[in-house]
Amino acid sequence: MNAIDLLKTDHEKVKVILTQLSESTDRAVKKRTDLLDKLEMEISIHTQLEEQILYPAFKEAGGKEQDEMYYEAKEEHRTVDSLVLPDLKVTDPASPEFAGRLKVVKELLEHHIKEEETEMFPQAKKLLGKAKLDELGEQMLVLKASLKKSLSASKLAA
């Protein structure tokens, strides 16, 4: 599978989870908790696929403009993974604060997805070409399977 198609499929999954979360009510505590766990797992795996496989290839193939895009995308990942999502995870799902934090997470992720799909991915297609993107896609499938397995195992052990 082509790396960009795989990442876009992940983006769609994340958008669906975000929509389900934002449409849930403060009484749906279990649903919110389950969806948040699912969101965290999808984002964690997706971030690693991009940062370990696509982003380095994109940066290496590009110039100064791609370098800036690379660092901006990594910073957006860091903001969501290290700051916003952990805060949301420790917020009471029945509170108004949860709804506010969720809105911020949703806006950040939607902005990031839009930028990748309208700016980075089209450039990556030109810079890397079909054969390289297919090769990166295969690497992503292997890494994704491995990450899912280890994340599932760590959840069972917890």
C-alpha atoms as a PDB file:
ATOM      1  CA  MET A   1       0.000   0.000   0.000  1.00  0.00           C
ATOM      2  CA  ASN A   2       1.135   3.520  -0.807  1.00  0.00           C
ATOM      3  CA  ALA A   3       2.371   5.411   2.298  1.00  0.00           C
ATOM      4  CA  ILE A   4       0.171   8.448   1.647  1.00  0.00           C
ATOM      5  CA  ASP A   5      -2.974   6.350   1.129  1.00  0.00           C
ATOM      6  CA  LEU A   6      -2.251   4.518   4.383  1.00  0.00           C
ATOM      7  CA  LEU A   7      -1.797   7.786   6.299  1.00  0.00           C
ATOM      8  CA  LYS A   8      -4.967   9.278   4.787  1.00  0.00           C
ATOM      9  CA  THR A   9      -6.896   6.179   5.917  1.00  0.00           C
ATOM     10  CA  ASP A  10      -5.535   6.783   9.437  1.00  0.00           C
ATOM     11  CA  HIS A  11      -6.617  10.431   9.201  1.00  0.00           C
ATOM     12  CA  GLU A  12     -10.170   9.337   8.366  1.00  0.00           C
ATOM     13  CA  LYS A  13     -10.229   7.003  11.398  1.00  0.00           C
ATOM     14  CA  VAL A  14      -9.041   9.826  13.670  1.00  0.00           C
ATOM     15  CA  LYS A  15     -11.662  12.219  12.269  1.00  0.00           C
ATOM     16  CA  VAL A  16     -14.440   9.665  12.884  1.00  0.00           C
ATOM     17  CA  ILE A  17     -13.305   9.146  16.498  1.00  0.00           C
ATOM     18  CA  LEU A  18     -13.099  12.923  17.044  1.00  0.00           C
ATOM     19  CA  THR A  19     -16.619  13.383  15.663  1.00  0.00           C
ATOM     20  CA  GLN A  20     -17.971  10.605  17.887  1.00  0.00           C
ATOM     21  CA  LEU A  21     -16.237  12.144  20.900  1.00  0.00           C
ATOM     22  CA  SER A  22     -17.479  15.666  20.212  1.00  0.00           C
ATOM     23  CA  GLU A  23     -21.038  14.419  19.672  1.00  0.00           C
ATOM     24  CA  SER A  24     -21.009  12.489  22.959  1.00  0.00           C
ATOM     25  CA  THR A  25     -22.556  14.016  26.080  1.00  0.00           C
ATOM     26  CA  ASP A  26     -21.067  14.480  29.524  1.00  0.00           C
ATOM     27  CA  ARG A  27     -23.256  11.554  30.689  1.00  0.00           C
ATOM     28  CA  ALA A  28     -21.498   9.162  28.286  1.00  0.00           C
ATOM     29  CA  VAL A  29     -18.465   8.722  30.540  1.00  0.00           C
ATOM     30  CA  LYS A  30     -17.653   5.137  29.492  1.00  0.00           C
ATOM     31  CA  LYS A  31     -18.109   5.932  25.796  1.00  0.00           C
ATOM     32  CA  ARG A  32     -15.865   8.999  26.086  1.00  0.00           C
ATOM     33  CA  THR A  33     -13.211   7.032  27.975  1.00  0.00           C
ATOM     34  CA  ASP A  34     -13.244   4.189  25.420  1.00  0.00           C
ATOM     35  CA  LEU A  35     -13.117   6.596  22.462  1.00  0.00           C
ATOM     36  CA  LEU A  36     -10.289   8.549  24.066  1.00  0.00           C
ATOM     37  CA  ASP A  37      -8.272   5.333  24.523  1.00  0.00           C
ATOM     38  CA  LYS A  38      -8.930   4.461  20.871  1.00  0.00           C
ATOM     39  CA  LEU A  39      -7.919   7.982  19.765  1.00  0.00           C
ATOM     40  CA  GLU A  40      -4.729   7.835  21.798  1.00  0.00           C
ATOM     41  CA  MET A  41      -3.747   4.484  20.269  1.00  0.00           C
ATOM     42  CA  GLU A  42      -4.481   5.632  16.687  1.00  0.00           C
ATOM     43  CA  ILE A  43      -2.533   8.873  17.170  1.00  0.00           C
ATOM     44  CA  SER A  44       0.386   7.153  18.869  1.00  0.00           C
ATOM     45  CA  ILE A  45       0.803   4.633  16.038  1.00  0.00           C
ATOM     46  CA  HIS A  46       0.174   7.208  13.296  1.00  0.00           C
ATOM     47  CA  THR A  47       2.727   9.638  14.748  1.00  0.00           C
ATOM     48  CA  GLN A  48       5.389   6.944  14.825  1.00  0.00           C
ATOM     49  CA  LEU A  49       4.668   5.908  11.220  1.00  0.00           C
ATOM     50  CA  GLU A  50       5.068   9.494  10.054  1.00  0.00           C
ATOM     51  CA  GLU A  51       8.073  10.389  12.217  1.00  0.00           C
ATOM     52  CA  GLN A  52      10.025   7.164  11.656  1.00  0.00           C
ATOM     53  CA  ILE A  53       9.227   6.554   7.985  1.00  0.00           C
ATOM     54  CA  LEU A  54       7.587   9.320   5.916  1.00  0.00           C
ATOM     55  CA  TYR A  55       8.970  12.501   7.479  1.00  0.00           C
ATOM     56  CA  PRO A  56      12.677  11.533   7.265  1.00  0.00           C
ATOM     57  CA  ALA A  57      12.272  10.494   3.604  1.00  0.00           C
ATOM     58  CA  PHE A  58      10.383  13.735   2.866  1.00  0.00           C
ATOM     59  CA  LYS A  59      13.014  15.877   4.611  1.00  0.00           C
ATOM     60  CA  GLU A  60      15.892  14.090   2.875  1.00  0.00           C
ATOM     61  CA  ALA A  61      14.322  14.456  -0.589  1.00  0.00           C
ATOM     62  CA  GLY A  62      13.411  18.114  -0.131  1.00  0.00           C
ATOM     63  CA  GLY A  63      15.016  21.467   0.506  1.00  0.00           C
ATOM     64  CA  LYS A  64      14.564  24.349   2.951  1.00  0.00           C
ATOM     65  CA  GLU A  65      10.768  24.563   2.474  1.00  0.00           C
ATOM     66  CA  GLN A  66      10.396  20.845   3.229  1.00  0.00           C
ATOM     67  CA  ASP A  67      12.675  21.191   6.271  1.00  0.00           C
ATOM     68  CA  GLU A  68      10.354  23.858   7.683  1.00  0.00           C
ATOM     69  CA  MET A  69       7.282  21.720   6.955  1.00  0.00           C
ATOM     70  CA  TYR A  70       8.989  18.728   8.597  1.00  0.00           C
ATOM     71  CA  TYR A  71       9.751  20.637  11.811  1.00  0.00           C
ATOM     72  CA  GLU A  72       6.303  22.245  11.948  1.00  0.00           C
ATOM     73  CA  ALA A  73       4.596  18.842  11.584  1.00  0.00           C
ATOM     74  CA  LYS A  74       6.832  17.341  14.295  1.00  0.00           C
ATOM     75  CA  GLU A  75       6.036  20.263  16.612  1.00  0.00           C
ATOM     76  CA  GLU A  76       2.301  19.779  16.023  1.00  0.00           C
ATOM     77  CA  HIS A  77       2.723  16.097  16.935  1.00  0.00           C
ATOM     78  CA  ARG A  78       4.607  17.050  20.090  1.00  0.00           C
ATOM     79  CA  THR A  79       1.897  19.530  21.086  1.00  0.00           C
ATOM     80  CA  VAL A  80      -0.849  16.922  20.770  1.00  0.00           C
ATOM     81  CA  ASP A  81       1.118  13.908  22.112  1.00  0.00           C
ATOM     82  CA  SER A  82       2.917  15.594  25.010  1.00  0.00           C
ATOM     83  CA  LEU A  83       0.629  18.420  26.087  1.00  0.00           C
ATOM     84  CA  VAL A  84      -2.974  18.424  24.926  1.00  0.00           C
ATOM     85  CA  LEU A  85      -3.865  14.720  24.806  1.00  0.00           C
ATOM     86  CA  PRO A  86      -2.324  13.891  28.223  1.00  0.00           C
ATOM     87  CA  ASP A  87      -4.303  16.796  29.741  1.00  0.00           C
ATOM     88  CA  LEU A  88      -7.501  15.507  28.151  1.00  0.00           C
ATOM     89  CA  LYS A  89      -6.815  11.972  29.435  1.00  0.00           C
ATOM     90  CA  VAL A  90      -6.732  13.172  33.069  1.00  0.00           C
ATOM     91  CA  THR A  91      -9.809  15.382  32.730  1.00  0.00           C
ATOM     92  CA  ASP A  92     -13.122  14.113  34.087  1.00  0.00           C
ATOM     93  CA  PRO A  93     -15.134  13.038  30.995  1.00  0.00           C
ATOM     94  CA  ALA A  94     -18.312  14.318  32.681  1.00  0.00           C
ATOM     95  CA  SER A  95     -16.953  17.862  33.092  1.00  0.00           C
ATOM     96  CA  PRO A  96     -17.364  20.956  30.919  1.00  0.00           C
ATOM     97  CA  GLU A  97     -13.552  21.199  30.973  1.00  0.00           C
ATOM     98  CA  PHE A  98     -13.407  17.906  29.034  1.00  0.00           C
ATOM     99  CA  ALA A  99     -15.602  19.340  26.277  1.00  0.00           C
ATOM    100  CA  GLY A 100     -13.386  22.442  26.065  1.00  0.00           C
ATOM    101  CA  ARG A 101     -10.154  20.471  25.923  1.00  0.00           C
ATOM    102  CA  LEU A 102     -11.644  18.055  23.387  1.00  0.00           C
ATOM    103  CA  LYS A 103     -12.540  20.986  21.127  1.00  0.00           C
ATOM    104  CA  VAL A 104      -8.903  22.157  21.208  1.00  0.00           C
ATOM    105  CA  VAL A 105      -7.569  18.652  20.451  1.00  0.00           C
ATOM    106  CA  LYS A 106     -10.046  18.324  17.571  1.00  0.00           C
ATOM    107  CA  GLU A 107      -9.087  21.725  16.102  1.00  0.00           C
ATOM    108  CA  LEU A 108      -5.346  20.983  16.375  1.00  0.00           C
ATOM    109  CA  LEU A 109      -5.683  17.569  14.757  1.00  0.00           C
ATOM    110  CA  GLU A 110      -7.971  18.772  11.969  1.00  0.00           C
ATOM    111  CA  HIS A 111      -5.562  21.637  11.199  1.00  0.00           C
ATOM    112  CA  HIS A 112      -2.613  19.221  11.142  1.00  0.00           C
ATOM    113  CA  ILE A 113      -4.448  16.718   8.911  1.00  0.00           C
ATOM    114  CA  LYS A 114      -5.504  19.450   6.481  1.00  0.00           C
ATOM    115  CA  GLU A 115      -1.952  20.809   6.205  1.00  0.00           C
ATOM    116  CA  GLU A 116      -0.495  17.368   5.606  1.00  0.00           C
ATOM    117  CA  GLU A 117      -3.087  16.439   3.000  1.00  0.00           C
ATOM    118  CA  THR A 118      -3.019  19.743   1.090  1.00  0.00           C
ATOM    119  CA  GLU A 119       0.670  20.692   1.417  1.00  0.00           C
ATOM    120  CA  MET A 120       3.021  17.941   2.602  1.00  0.00           C
ATOM    121  CA  PHE A 121       1.494  14.886   0.898  1.00  0.00           C
ATOM    122  CA  PRO A 122       1.273  16.428  -2.608  1.00  0.00           C
ATOM    123  CA  GLN A 123       4.915  17.527  -2.296  1.00  0.00           C
ATOM    124  CA  ALA A 124       5.919  14.089  -0.984  1.00  0.00           C
ATOM    125  CA  LYS A 125       4.268  12.481  -4.041  1.00  0.00           C
ATOM    126  CA  LYS A 126       6.347  14.676  -6.373  1.00  0.00           C
ATOM    127  CA  LEU A 127       9.599  14.370  -4.439  1.00  0.00           C
ATOM    128  CA  LEU A 128       9.466  10.654  -3.643  1.00  0.00           C
ATOM    129  CA  GLY A 129       7.531   9.106  -6.534  1.00  0.00           C
ATOM    130  CA  LYS A 130       5.245   6.092  -6.610  1.00  0.00           C
ATOM    131  CA  ALA A 131       7.875   3.345  -6.140  1.00  0.00           C
ATOM    132  CA  LYS A 132       9.390   4.986  -3.042  1.00  0.00           C
ATOM    133  CA  LEU A 133       5.928   5.691  -1.549  1.00  0.00           C
ATOM    134  CA  ASP A 134       4.959   2.044  -2.118  1.00  0.00           C
ATOM    135  CA  GLU A 135       8.170   0.931  -0.393  1.00  0.00           C
ATOM    136  CA  LEU A 136       7.515   3.305   2.541  1.00  0.00           C
ATOM    137  CA  GLY A 137       3.934   2.021   2.723  1.00  0.00           C
ATOM    138  CA  GLU A 138       5.197  -1.549   3.121  1.00  0.00           C
ATOM    139  CA  GLN A 139       7.537  -0.427   5.913  1.00  0.00           C
ATOM    140  CA  MET A 140       4.592   1.336   7.575  1.00  0.00           C
ATOM    141  CA  LEU A 141       2.394  -1.772   7.461  1.00  0.00           C
ATOM    142  CA  VAL A 142       5.121  -3.800   9.212  1.00  0.00           C
ATOM    143  CA  LEU A 143       5.724  -1.110  11.854  1.00  0.00           C
ATOM    144  CA  LYS A 144       1.981  -0.591  12.376  1.00  0.00           C
ATOM    145  CA  ALA A 145       1.405  -4.314  13.039  1.00  0.00           C
ATOM    146  CA  SER A 146       4.325  -4.384  15.483  1.00  0.00           C
ATOM    147  CA  LEU A 147       3.147  -1.244  17.332  1.00  0.00           C
ATOM    148  CA  LYS A 148      -0.456  -2.501  17.588  1.00  0.00           C
ATOM    149  CA  LYS A 149       0.808  -5.769  19.025  1.00  0.00           C
ATOM    150  CA  SER A 150       3.049  -4.081  21.625  1.00  0.00           C
ATOM    151  CA  LEU A 151       0.420  -1.474  22.584  1.00  0.00           C
ATOM    152  CA  SER A 152      -2.224  -4.197  23.006  1.00  0.00           C
ATOM    153  CA  ALA A 153       0.195  -6.260  25.113  1.00  0.00           C
ATOM    154  CA  SER A 154       1.038  -3.285  27.340  1.00  0.00           C
ATOM    155  CA  LYS A 155      -2.689  -2.555  27.829  1.00  0.00           C
ATOM    156  CA  LEU A 156      -3.256  -6.175  28.937  1.00  0.00           C
ATOM    157  CA  ALA A 157      -0.303  -6.005  31.325  1.00  0.00           C
ATOM    158  CA  ALA A 158      -1.514  -2.744  32.897  1.00  0.00           C
END
